[in-house]
Amino acid sequence: MNAFKSIFIVLCWIAASMFLTHWWLGNPEQLPRLPSLVWEQVDKFYRSANAEDVADLEFLVCFSISAVVVGLAFLACRRLLPGFNRRDQ
C-alpha cells in the first residue's frame, strides 16, 4: 500500500507539473517572464540549432520550474494543513 501511495503521489506531481506547464506556455502573459539574459545563457548551454530545439528548451525550462513550484506547494500543504499528513496505521 505504501508503494502504491508513493507512485500515486509522483504521478500526481508529474500531472500537475504538466498541467501548469501547458497553461504557462499557452498563456505567457499571465506569469512573469524570465529575463532574456537567462534565456541566452540556457540557450548557450543547450546549444539549440533550430526553432524546434528552442521550443524543446522552452518546454524543459518551464516544466522544471513548474515541477519545483508544485513540489513546494505540496510541501507547504503538508506542513500547514492539519490532517494532510495523516499516515495509515
C-alpha atoms as a PDB file:
ATOM      1  CA  MET A   1       0.000   0.000   0.000  1.00  0.00           C
ATOM      2  CA  ASN A   2       2.846   2.367   0.790  1.00  0.00           C
ATOM      3  CA  ALA A   3       4.449   1.805  -2.641  1.00  0.00           C
ATOM      4  CA  PHE A   4       1.108   2.465  -4.343  1.00  0.00           C
ATOM      5  CA  LYS A   5       0.712   5.698  -2.389  1.00  0.00           C
ATOM      6  CA  SER A   6       4.222   6.839  -3.339  1.00  0.00           C
ATOM      7  CA  ILE A   7       3.677   6.055  -7.021  1.00  0.00           C
ATOM      8  CA  PHE A   8       0.334   7.866  -6.934  1.00  0.00           C
ATOM      9  CA  ILE A   9       1.937  10.974  -5.389  1.00  0.00           C
ATOM     10  CA  VAL A  10       4.680  11.021  -8.043  1.00  0.00           C
ATOM     11  CA  LEU A  11       2.147  10.596 -10.854  1.00  0.00           C
ATOM     12  CA  CYS A  12       0.014  13.420  -9.441  1.00  0.00           C
ATOM     13  CA  TRP A  13       3.118  15.607  -9.161  1.00  0.00           C
ATOM     14  CA  ILE A  14       4.014  14.951 -12.800  1.00  0.00           C
ATOM     15  CA  ALA A  15       0.427  15.533 -13.958  1.00  0.00           C
ATOM     16  CA  ALA A  16       0.144  18.803 -12.038  1.00  0.00           C
ATOM     17  CA  SER A  17       3.508  19.942 -13.401  1.00  0.00           C
ATOM     18  CA  MET A  18       2.435  19.104 -16.961  1.00  0.00           C
ATOM     19  CA  PHE A  19      -0.852  20.972 -16.492  1.00  0.00           C
ATOM     20  CA  LEU A  20       0.928  24.038 -15.110  1.00  0.00           C
ATOM     21  CA  THR A  21       3.491  23.922 -17.937  1.00  0.00           C
ATOM     22  CA  HIS A  22       0.742  23.631 -20.564  1.00  0.00           C
ATOM     23  CA  TRP A  23      -1.127  26.557 -19.036  1.00  0.00           C
ATOM     24  CA  TRP A  24       2.053  28.645 -18.741  1.00  0.00           C
ATOM     25  CA  LEU A  25       3.083  28.043 -22.364  1.00  0.00           C
ATOM     26  CA  GLY A  26      -0.468  28.723 -23.559  1.00  0.00           C
ATOM     27  CA  ASN A  27      -0.806  31.969 -21.567  1.00  0.00           C
ATOM     28  CA  PRO A  28       2.668  33.527 -21.367  1.00  0.00           C
ATOM     29  CA  GLU A  29       1.318  36.949 -20.397  1.00  0.00           C
ATOM     30  CA  GLN A  30      -0.197  35.610 -17.143  1.00  0.00           C
ATOM     31  CA  LEU A  31       3.076  34.810 -15.379  1.00  0.00           C
ATOM     32  CA  PRO A  32       6.333  36.727 -15.078  1.00  0.00           C
ATOM     33  CA  ARG A  33       8.887  36.143 -17.798  1.00  0.00           C
ATOM     34  CA  LEU A  34      12.435  35.043 -17.286  1.00  0.00           C
ATOM     35  CA  PRO A  35      14.966  37.743 -18.209  1.00  0.00           C
ATOM     36  CA  SER A  36      16.467  37.478 -21.686  1.00  0.00           C
ATOM     37  CA  LEU A  37      19.928  37.057 -20.173  1.00  0.00           C
ATOM     38  CA  VAL A  38      18.772  33.831 -18.504  1.00  0.00           C
ATOM     39  CA  TRP A  39      17.334  32.523 -21.780  1.00  0.00           C
ATOM     40  CA  GLU A  40      20.545  33.394 -23.619  1.00  0.00           C
ATOM     41  CA  GLN A  41      22.694  31.541 -21.072  1.00  0.00           C
ATOM     42  CA  VAL A  42      20.414  28.493 -21.093  1.00  0.00           C
ATOM     43  CA  ASP A  43      20.353  28.523 -24.893  1.00  0.00           C
ATOM     44  CA  LYS A  44      24.136  28.748 -24.996  1.00  0.00           C
ATOM     45  CA  PHE A  45      24.357  25.744 -22.642  1.00  0.00           C
ATOM     46  CA  TYR A  46      21.700  23.749 -24.570  1.00  0.00           C
ATOM     47  CA  ARG A  47      23.189  24.676 -27.997  1.00  0.00           C
ATOM     48  CA  SER A  48      19.915  24.782 -29.885  1.00  0.00           C
ATOM     49  CA  ALA A  49      20.367  24.704 -33.642  1.00  0.00           C
ATOM     50  CA  ASN A  50      16.851  25.448 -34.895  1.00  0.00           C
ATOM     51  CA  ALA A  51      13.404  26.579 -33.802  1.00  0.00           C
ATOM     52  CA  GLU A  52      12.361  23.070 -32.786  1.00  0.00           C
ATOM     53  CA  ASP A  53      15.290  22.874 -30.359  1.00  0.00           C
ATOM     54  CA  VAL A  54      14.311  26.265 -28.933  1.00  0.00           C
ATOM     55  CA  ALA A  55      10.745  25.016 -28.382  1.00  0.00           C
ATOM     56  CA  ASP A  56      12.096  21.904 -26.631  1.00  0.00           C
ATOM     57  CA  LEU A  57      14.286  24.094 -24.462  1.00  0.00           C
ATOM     58  CA  GLU A  58      11.337  26.311 -23.560  1.00  0.00           C
ATOM     59  CA  PHE A  59       9.329  23.253 -22.545  1.00  0.00           C
ATOM     60  CA  LEU A  60      12.182  21.837 -20.452  1.00  0.00           C
ATOM     61  CA  VAL A  61      12.733  25.101 -18.601  1.00  0.00           C
ATOM     62  CA  CYS A  62       9.016  25.680 -17.985  1.00  0.00           C
ATOM     63  CA  PHE A  63       8.480  22.068 -16.875  1.00  0.00           C
ATOM     64  CA  SER A  64      11.437  22.268 -14.481  1.00  0.00           C
ATOM     65  CA  ILE A  65      10.127  25.458 -12.901  1.00  0.00           C
ATOM     66  CA  SER A  66       6.594  24.027 -12.723  1.00  0.00           C
ATOM     67  CA  ALA A  67       7.843  20.833 -11.062  1.00  0.00           C
ATOM     68  CA  VAL A  68       9.646  22.862  -8.401  1.00  0.00           C
ATOM     69  CA  VAL A  69       6.564  25.038  -7.808  1.00  0.00           C
ATOM     70  CA  VAL A  70       4.261  22.013  -7.497  1.00  0.00           C
ATOM     71  CA  GLY A  71       6.724  20.280  -5.170  1.00  0.00           C
ATOM     72  CA  LEU A  72       6.986  23.349  -2.940  1.00  0.00           C
ATOM     73  CA  ALA A  73       3.186  23.686  -2.894  1.00  0.00           C
ATOM     74  CA  PHE A  74       2.870  20.046  -1.854  1.00  0.00           C
ATOM     75  CA  LEU A  75       5.412  20.504   0.937  1.00  0.00           C
ATOM     76  CA  ALA A  76       3.653  23.680   2.090  1.00  0.00           C
ATOM     77  CA  CYS A  77       0.283  21.893   2.180  1.00  0.00           C
ATOM     78  CA  ARG A  78       1.816  19.023   4.047  1.00  0.00           C
ATOM     79  CA  ARG A  79       3.335  21.363   6.614  1.00  0.00           C
ATOM     80  CA  LEU A  80       0.486  23.859   7.040  1.00  0.00           C
ATOM     81  CA  LEU A  81      -2.784  21.974   6.592  1.00  0.00           C
ATOM     82  CA  PRO A  82      -3.930  19.841   9.511  1.00  0.00           C
ATOM     83  CA  GLY A  83      -4.809  16.302   8.537  1.00  0.00           C
ATOM     84  CA  PHE A  84      -2.930  16.468   5.219  1.00  0.00           C
ATOM     85  CA  ASN A  85      -0.078  14.391   6.592  1.00  0.00           C
ATOM     86  CA  ARG A  86      -2.070  11.506   8.092  1.00  0.00           C
ATOM     87  CA  ARG A  87      -0.409   8.161   7.972  1.00  0.00           C
ATOM     88  CA  ASP A  88      -2.204   4.841   7.780  1.00  0.00           C
ATOM     89  CA  GLN A  89      -1.532   2.829  10.909  1.00  0.00           C
END
